[in-house]
Amino acid sequence: MIPKFVTKEEHEAVALRRRQVEAEAIRQRNEELRKKYTSFKKEAEQTATKDDQTGRARNDVHKEEKIEYRK
């Protein structure tokens, strides 16, 4: 079997294609991470809002109890 020697241009073309594939894989990974982060952040904000609302409701109950004790 005779080894195939590639020209400089062919070698550059192969390297360029390889870098393009790697760059696309990185872009896709970054996009997936961005979507996960956005989803996580949105869920965290909803949880925080829900916790804040229930916390206020609990505080209101305690305020009413304190007022009743003062009477």
PDB file of N, CA and C in Angstrom:
ATOM      1  N   MET A   1       0.844  -1.176   0.000  1.00  0.00           N
ATOM      2  CA  MET A   1       0.000   0.000   0.000  1.00  0.00           C
ATOM      3  C   MET A   1       0.890   1.240   0.000  1.00  0.00           C
ATOM      4  N   ILE A   2       0.601   2.118  -0.899  1.00  0.00           N
ATOM      5  CA  ILE A   2       1.397   3.332  -1.053  1.00  0.00           C
ATOM      6  C   ILE A   2       0.742   4.441  -0.233  1.00  0.00           C
ATOM      7  N   PRO A   3       1.512   5.119   0.634  1.00  0.00           N
ATOM      8  CA  PRO A   3       0.926   6.209   1.415  1.00  0.00           C
ATOM      9  C   PRO A   3       0.565   7.377   0.508  1.00  0.00           C
ATOM     10  N   LYS A   4      -0.542   8.042   0.857  1.00  0.00           N
ATOM     11  CA  LYS A   4      -0.975   9.191   0.063  1.00  0.00           C
ATOM     12  C   LYS A   4      -0.431  10.452   0.719  1.00  0.00           C
ATOM     13  N   PHE A   5       0.294  11.207  -0.041  1.00  0.00           N
ATOM     14  CA  PHE A   5       0.808  12.470   0.458  1.00  0.00           C
ATOM     15  C   PHE A   5      -0.163  13.565   0.047  1.00  0.00           C
ATOM     16  N   VAL A   6      -0.568  14.360   1.003  1.00  0.00           N
ATOM     17  CA  VAL A   6      -1.521  15.427   0.708  1.00  0.00           C
ATOM     18  C   VAL A   6      -0.767  16.727   0.496  1.00  0.00           C
ATOM     19  N   THR A   7      -1.352  17.545  -0.332  1.00  0.00           N
ATOM     20  CA  THR A   7      -0.735  18.843  -0.576  1.00  0.00           C
ATOM     21  C   THR A   7      -1.003  19.754   0.610  1.00  0.00           C
ATOM     22  N   LYS A   8      -0.312  20.849   0.633  1.00  0.00           N
ATOM     23  CA  LYS A   8      -0.489  21.832   1.701  1.00  0.00           C
ATOM     24  C   LYS A   8      -1.940  22.321   1.717  1.00  0.00           C
ATOM     25  N   GLU A   9      -2.501  22.565   0.542  1.00  0.00           N
ATOM     26  CA  GLU A   9      -3.872  23.054   0.442  1.00  0.00           C
ATOM     27  C   GLU A   9      -4.867  22.015   0.971  1.00  0.00           C
ATOM     28  N   GLU A  10      -4.650  20.751   0.641  1.00  0.00           N
ATOM     29  CA  GLU A  10      -5.531  19.691   1.130  1.00  0.00           C
ATOM     30  C   GLU A  10      -5.444  19.567   2.652  1.00  0.00           C
ATOM     31  N   HIS A  11      -4.236  19.657   3.159  1.00  0.00           N
ATOM     32  CA  HIS A  11      -4.033  19.583   4.608  1.00  0.00           C
ATOM     33  C   HIS A  11      -4.740  20.747   5.311  1.00  0.00           C
ATOM     34  N   GLU A  12      -4.626  21.955   4.743  1.00  0.00           N
ATOM     35  CA  GLU A  12      -5.296  23.127   5.318  1.00  0.00           C
ATOM     36  C   GLU A  12      -6.813  22.970   5.260  1.00  0.00           C
ATOM     37  N   ALA A  13      -7.315  22.408   4.160  1.00  0.00           N
ATOM     38  CA  ALA A  13      -8.759  22.219   4.012  1.00  0.00           C
ATOM     39  C   ALA A  13      -9.281  21.232   5.056  1.00  0.00           C
ATOM     40  N   VAL A  14      -8.546  20.155   5.282  1.00  0.00           N
ATOM     41  CA  VAL A  14      -8.950  19.167   6.286  1.00  0.00           C
ATOM     42  C   VAL A  14      -8.940  19.803   7.674  1.00  0.00           C
ATOM     43  N   ALA A  15      -7.890  20.564   7.974  1.00  0.00           N
ATOM     44  CA  ALA A  15      -7.791  21.224   9.279  1.00  0.00           C
ATOM     45  C   ALA A  15      -8.920  22.237   9.456  1.00  0.00           C
ATOM     46  N   LEU A  16      -9.239  22.977   8.408  1.00  0.00           N
ATOM     47  CA  LEU A  16     -10.317  23.966   8.475  1.00  0.00           C
ATOM     48  C   LEU A  16     -11.657  23.282   8.732  1.00  0.00           C
ATOM     49  N   ARG A  17     -11.940  22.185   8.029  1.00  0.00           N
ATOM     50  CA  ARG A  17     -13.192  21.446   8.257  1.00  0.00           C
ATOM     51  C   ARG A  17     -13.266  20.931   9.691  1.00  0.00           C
ATOM     52  N   ARG A  18     -12.143  20.411  10.186  1.00  0.00           N
ATOM     53  CA  ARG A  18     -12.109  19.890  11.557  1.00  0.00           C
ATOM     54  C   ARG A  18     -12.388  21.014  12.565  1.00  0.00           C
ATOM     55  N   ARG A  19     -11.797  22.173  12.357  1.00  0.00           N
ATOM     56  CA  ARG A  19     -12.044  23.306  13.268  1.00  0.00           C
ATOM     57  C   ARG A  19     -13.487  23.784  13.186  1.00  0.00           C
ATOM     58  N   GLN A  20     -14.061  23.762  11.985  1.00  0.00           N
ATOM     59  CA  GLN A  20     -15.460  24.171  11.838  1.00  0.00           C
ATOM     60  C   GLN A  20     -16.392  23.217  12.584  1.00  0.00           C
ATOM     61  N   VAL A  21     -16.114  21.931  12.499  1.00  0.00           N
ATOM     62  CA  VAL A  21     -16.928  20.935  13.211  1.00  0.00           C
ATOM     63  C   VAL A  21     -16.792  21.140  14.720  1.00  0.00           C
ATOM     64  N   GLU A  22     -15.569  21.356  15.187  1.00  0.00           N
ATOM     65  CA  GLU A  22     -15.345  21.584  16.620  1.00  0.00           C
ATOM     66  C   GLU A  22     -16.048  22.855  17.088  1.00  0.00           C
ATOM     67  N   ALA A  23     -15.962  23.916  16.280  1.00  0.00           N
ATOM     68  CA  ALA A  23     -16.603  25.181  16.645  1.00  0.00           C
ATOM     69  C   ALA A  23     -18.116  25.021  16.718  1.00  0.00           C
ATOM     70  N   GLU A  24     -18.687  24.280  15.782  1.00  0.00           N
ATOM     71  CA  GLU A  24     -20.137  24.053  15.791  1.00  0.00           C
ATOM     72  C   GLU A  24     -20.549  23.250  17.023  1.00  0.00           C
ATOM     73  N   ALA A  25     -19.745  22.260  17.392  1.00  0.00           N
ATOM     74  CA  ALA A  25     -20.046  21.465  18.587  1.00  0.00           C
ATOM     75  C   ALA A  25     -20.004  22.348  19.830  1.00  0.00           C
ATOM     76  N   ILE A  26     -19.042  23.251  19.899  1.00  0.00           N
ATOM     77  CA  ILE A  26     -18.945  24.171  21.040  1.00  0.00           C
ATOM     78  C   ILE A  26     -20.149  25.102  21.068  1.00  0.00           C
ATOM     79  N   ARG A  27     -20.551  25.614  19.896  1.00  0.00           N
ATOM     80  CA  ARG A  27     -21.725  26.498  19.832  1.00  0.00           C
ATOM     81  C   ARG A  27     -22.979  25.778  20.322  1.00  0.00           C
ATOM     82  N   GLN A  28     -23.153  24.536  19.877  1.00  0.00           N
ATOM     83  CA  GLN A  28     -24.327  23.769  20.300  1.00  0.00           C
ATOM     84  C   GLN A  28     -24.304  23.524  21.802  1.00  0.00           C
ATOM     85  N   ARG A  29     -23.134  23.172  22.339  1.00  0.00           N
ATOM     86  CA  ARG A  29     -23.027  22.934  23.782  1.00  0.00           C
ATOM     87  C   ARG A  29     -23.338  24.214  24.559  1.00  0.00           C
ATOM     88  N   ASN A  30     -22.800  25.341  24.091  1.00  0.00           N
ATOM     89  CA  ASN A  30     -23.060  26.611  24.764  1.00  0.00           C
ATOM     90  C   ASN A  30     -24.539  26.983  24.700  1.00  0.00           C
ATOM     91  N   GLU A  31     -25.177  26.715  23.572  1.00  0.00           N
ATOM     92  CA  GLU A  31     -26.607  27.006  23.431  1.00  0.00           C
ATOM     93  C   GLU A  31     -27.426  26.143  24.393  1.00  0.00           C
ATOM     94  N   GLU A  32     -27.072  24.861  24.510  1.00  0.00           N
ATOM     95  CA  GLU A  32     -27.770  23.978  25.451  1.00  0.00           C
ATOM     96  C   GLU A  32     -27.582  24.460  26.887  1.00  0.00           C
ATOM     97  N   LEU A  33     -26.362  24.858  27.228  1.00  0.00           N
ATOM     98  CA  LEU A  33     -26.099  25.359  28.578  1.00  0.00           C
ATOM     99  C   LEU A  33     -26.875  26.647  28.848  1.00  0.00           C
ATOM    100  N   ARG A  34     -26.957  27.518  27.827  1.00  0.00           N
ATOM    101  CA  ARG A  34     -27.700  28.768  27.985  1.00  0.00           C
ATOM    102  C   ARG A  34     -29.176  28.480  28.224  1.00  0.00           C
ATOM    103  N   LYS A  35     -29.731  27.518  27.485  1.00  0.00           N
ATOM    104  CA  LYS A  35     -31.139  27.158  27.672  1.00  0.00           C
ATOM    105  C   LYS A  35     -31.371  26.573  29.057  1.00  0.00           C
ATOM    106  N   LYS A  36     -30.462  25.703  29.513  1.00  0.00           N
ATOM    107  CA  LYS A  36     -30.593  25.122  30.845  1.00  0.00           C
ATOM    108  C   LYS A  36     -30.519  26.207  31.910  1.00  0.00           C
ATOM    109  N   TYR A  37     -29.589  27.152  31.742  1.00  0.00           N
ATOM    110  CA  TYR A  37     -29.435  28.233  32.712  1.00  0.00           C
ATOM    111  C   TYR A  37     -30.693  29.095  32.750  1.00  0.00           C
ATOM    112  N   THR A  38     -31.212  29.431  31.569  1.00  0.00           N
ATOM    113  CA  THR A  38     -32.426  30.250  31.502  1.00  0.00           C
ATOM    114  C   THR A  38     -33.590  29.534  32.175  1.00  0.00           C
ATOM    115  N   SER A  39     -33.734  28.246  31.910  1.00  0.00           N
ATOM    116  CA  SER A  39     -34.803  27.460  32.517  1.00  0.00           C
ATOM    117  C   SER A  39     -34.636  27.404  34.033  1.00  0.00           C
ATOM    118  N   PHE A  40     -33.413  27.148  34.490  1.00  0.00           N
ATOM    119  CA  PHE A  40     -33.138  27.079  35.927  1.00  0.00           C
ATOM    120  C   PHE A  40     -33.425  28.418  36.600  1.00  0.00           C
ATOM    121  N   LYS A  41     -32.990  29.511  35.970  1.00  0.00           N
ATOM    122  CA  LYS A  41     -33.195  30.846  36.534  1.00  0.00           C
ATOM    123  C   LYS A  41     -34.689  31.168  36.631  1.00  0.00           C
ATOM    124  N   LYS A  42     -35.437  30.833  35.579  1.00  0.00           N
ATOM    125  CA  LYS A  42     -36.879  31.087  35.574  1.00  0.00           C
ATOM    126  C   LYS A  42     -37.565  30.288  36.680  1.00  0.00           C
ATOM    127  N   GLU A  43     -37.185  29.019  36.822  1.00  0.00           N
ATOM    128  CA  GLU A  43     -37.768  28.169  37.862  1.00  0.00           C
ATOM    129  C   GLU A  43     -37.414  28.694  39.255  1.00  0.00           C
ATOM    130  N   ALA A  44     -36.181  29.156  39.422  1.00  0.00           N
ATOM    131  CA  ALA A  44     -35.754  29.692  40.713  1.00  0.00           C
ATOM    132  C   ALA A  44     -36.535  30.958  41.056  1.00  0.00           C
ATOM    133  N   GLU A  45     -36.755  31.815  40.064  1.00  0.00           N
ATOM    134  CA  GLU A  45     -37.524  33.041  40.307  1.00  0.00           C
ATOM    135  C   GLU A  45     -38.958  32.711  40.694  1.00  0.00           C
ATOM    136  N   GLN A  46     -39.552  31.719  40.024  1.00  0.00           N
ATOM    137  CA  GLN A  46     -40.922  31.328  40.352  1.00  0.00           C
ATOM    138  C   GLN A  46     -40.992  30.764  41.767  1.00  0.00           C
ATOM    139  N   THR A  47     -40.007  29.960  42.131  1.00  0.00           N
ATOM    140  CA  THR A  47     -39.974  29.386  43.476  1.00  0.00           C
ATOM    141  C   THR A  47     -39.791  30.484  44.514  1.00  0.00           C
ATOM    142  N   ALA A  48     -38.911  31.434  44.223  1.00  0.00           N
ATOM    143  CA  ALA A  48     -38.667  32.529  45.159  1.00  0.00           C
ATOM    144  C   ALA A  48     -39.924  33.375  45.332  1.00  0.00           C
ATOM    145  N   THR A  49     -40.619  33.638  44.242  1.00  0.00           N
ATOM    146  CA  THR A  49     -41.855  34.415  44.316  1.00  0.00           C
ATOM    147  C   THR A  49     -42.899  33.659  45.126  1.00  0.00           C
ATOM    148  N   LYS A  50     -43.017  32.367  44.871  1.00  0.00           N
ATOM    149  CA  LYS A  50     -43.980  31.541  45.605  1.00  0.00           C
ATOM    150  C   LYS A  50     -43.640  31.521  47.092  1.00  0.00           C
ATOM    151  N   ASP A  51     -42.352  31.315  47.417  1.00  0.00           N
ATOM    152  CA  ASP A  51     -41.921  31.304  48.816  1.00  0.00           C
ATOM    153  C   ASP A  51     -42.160  32.657  49.469  1.00  0.00           C
ATOM    154  N   ASP A  52     -41.915  33.715  48.720  1.00  0.00           N
ATOM    155  CA  ASP A  52     -42.110  35.058  49.256  1.00  0.00           C
ATOM    156  C   ASP A  52     -43.588  35.297  49.560  1.00  0.00           C
ATOM    157  N   GLN A  53     -44.452  34.849  48.660  1.00  0.00           N
ATOM    158  CA  GLN A  53     -45.890  35.041  48.871  1.00  0.00           C
ATOM    159  C   GLN A  53     -46.381  34.228  50.060  1.00  0.00           C
ATOM    160  N   THR A  54     -45.931  32.991  50.196  1.00  0.00           N
ATOM    161  CA  THR A  54     -46.367  32.182  51.334  1.00  0.00           C
ATOM    162  C   THR A  54     -45.755  32.714  52.618  1.00  0.00           C
ATOM    163  N   GLY A  55     -44.558  33.257  52.532  1.00  0.00           N
ATOM    164  CA  GLY A  55     -43.923  33.854  53.705  1.00  0.00           C
ATOM    165  C   GLY A  55     -44.704  35.061  54.188  1.00  0.00           C
ATOM    166  N   ARG A  56     -45.172  35.863  53.253  1.00  0.00           N
ATOM    167  CA  ARG A  56     -45.978  37.025  53.624  1.00  0.00           C
ATOM    168  C   ARG A  56     -47.278  36.576  54.271  1.00  0.00           C
ATOM    169  N   ALA A  57     -47.876  35.533  53.734  1.00  0.00           N
ATOM    170  CA  ALA A  57     -49.129  35.037  54.295  1.00  0.00           C
ATOM    171  C   ALA A  57     -48.899  34.554  55.723  1.00  0.00           C
ATOM    172  N   ARG A  58     -47.776  33.855  55.952  1.00  0.00           N
ATOM    173  CA  ARG A  58     -47.459  33.396  57.307  1.00  0.00           C
ATOM    174  C   ARG A  58     -47.228  34.578  58.236  1.00  0.00           C
ATOM    175  N   ASN A  59     -46.534  35.583  57.747  1.00  0.00           N
ATOM    176  CA  ASN A  59     -46.275  36.762  58.569  1.00  0.00           C
ATOM    177  C   ASN A  59     -47.570  37.485  58.909  1.00  0.00           C
ATOM    178  N   ASP A  60     -48.486  37.542  57.951  1.00  0.00           N
ATOM    179  CA  ASP A  60     -49.770  38.180  58.212  1.00  0.00           C
ATOM    180  C   ASP A  60     -50.531  37.429  59.298  1.00  0.00           C
ATOM    181  N   VAL A  61     -50.475  36.123  59.284  1.00  0.00           N
ATOM    182  CA  VAL A  61     -51.147  35.317  60.305  1.00  0.00           C
ATOM    183  C   VAL A  61     -50.539  35.627  61.665  1.00  0.00           C
ATOM    184  N   HIS A  62     -49.216  35.705  61.728  1.00  0.00           N
ATOM    185  CA  HIS A  62     -48.549  36.001  62.993  1.00  0.00           C
ATOM    186  C   HIS A  62     -48.877  37.413  63.474  1.00  0.00           C
ATOM    187  N   LYS A  63     -49.016  38.338  62.556  1.00  0.00           N
ATOM    188  CA  LYS A  63     -49.377  39.703  62.941  1.00  0.00           C
ATOM    189  C   LYS A  63     -50.765  39.709  63.571  1.00  0.00           C
ATOM    190  N   GLU A  64     -51.689  38.959  62.965  1.00  0.00           N
ATOM    191  CA  GLU A  64     -53.039  38.895  63.513  1.00  0.00           C
ATOM    192  C   GLU A  64     -53.022  38.260  64.895  1.00  0.00           C
ATOM    193  N   GLU A  65     -52.188  37.237  65.084  1.00  0.00           N
ATOM    194  CA  GLU A  65     -52.089  36.587  66.391  1.00  0.00           C
ATOM    195  C   GLU A  65     -51.549  37.559  67.426  1.00  0.00           C
ATOM    196  N   LYS A  66     -50.561  38.341  67.057  1.00  0.00           N
ATOM    197  CA  LYS A  66     -49.971  39.305  67.984  1.00  0.00           C
ATOM    198  C   LYS A  66     -51.002  40.356  68.389  1.00  0.00           C
ATOM    199  N   ILE A  67     -51.801  40.773  67.440  1.00  0.00           N
ATOM    200  CA  ILE A  67     -52.826  41.767  67.737  1.00  0.00           C
ATOM    201  C   ILE A  67     -53.850  41.175  68.699  1.00  0.00           C
ATOM    202  N   GLU A  68     -54.226  39.926  68.501  1.00  0.00           N
ATOM    203  CA  GLU A  68     -55.198  39.284  69.375  1.00  0.00           C
ATOM    204  C   GLU A  68     -54.654  39.157  70.788  1.00  0.00           C
ATOM    205  N   TYR A  69     -53.363  38.893  70.937  1.00  0.00           N
ATOM    206  CA  TYR A  69     -52.778  38.766  72.268  1.00  0.00           C
ATOM    207  C   TYR A  69     -52.788  40.100  73.003  1.00  0.00           C
ATOM    208  N   ARG A  70     -52.669  41.176  72.282  1.00  0.00           N
ATOM    209  CA  ARG A  70     -52.618  42.497  72.907  1.00  0.00           C
ATOM    210  C   ARG A  70     -53.974  42.922  73.449  1.00  0.00           C
ATOM    211  N   LYS A  71     -55.025  42.371  72.933  1.00  0.00           N
ATOM    212  CA  LYS A  71     -56.362  42.808  73.331  1.00  0.00           C
ATOM    213  C   LYS A  71     -56.688  42.430  74.722  1.00  0.00           C
TER     214      LYS A  71
END
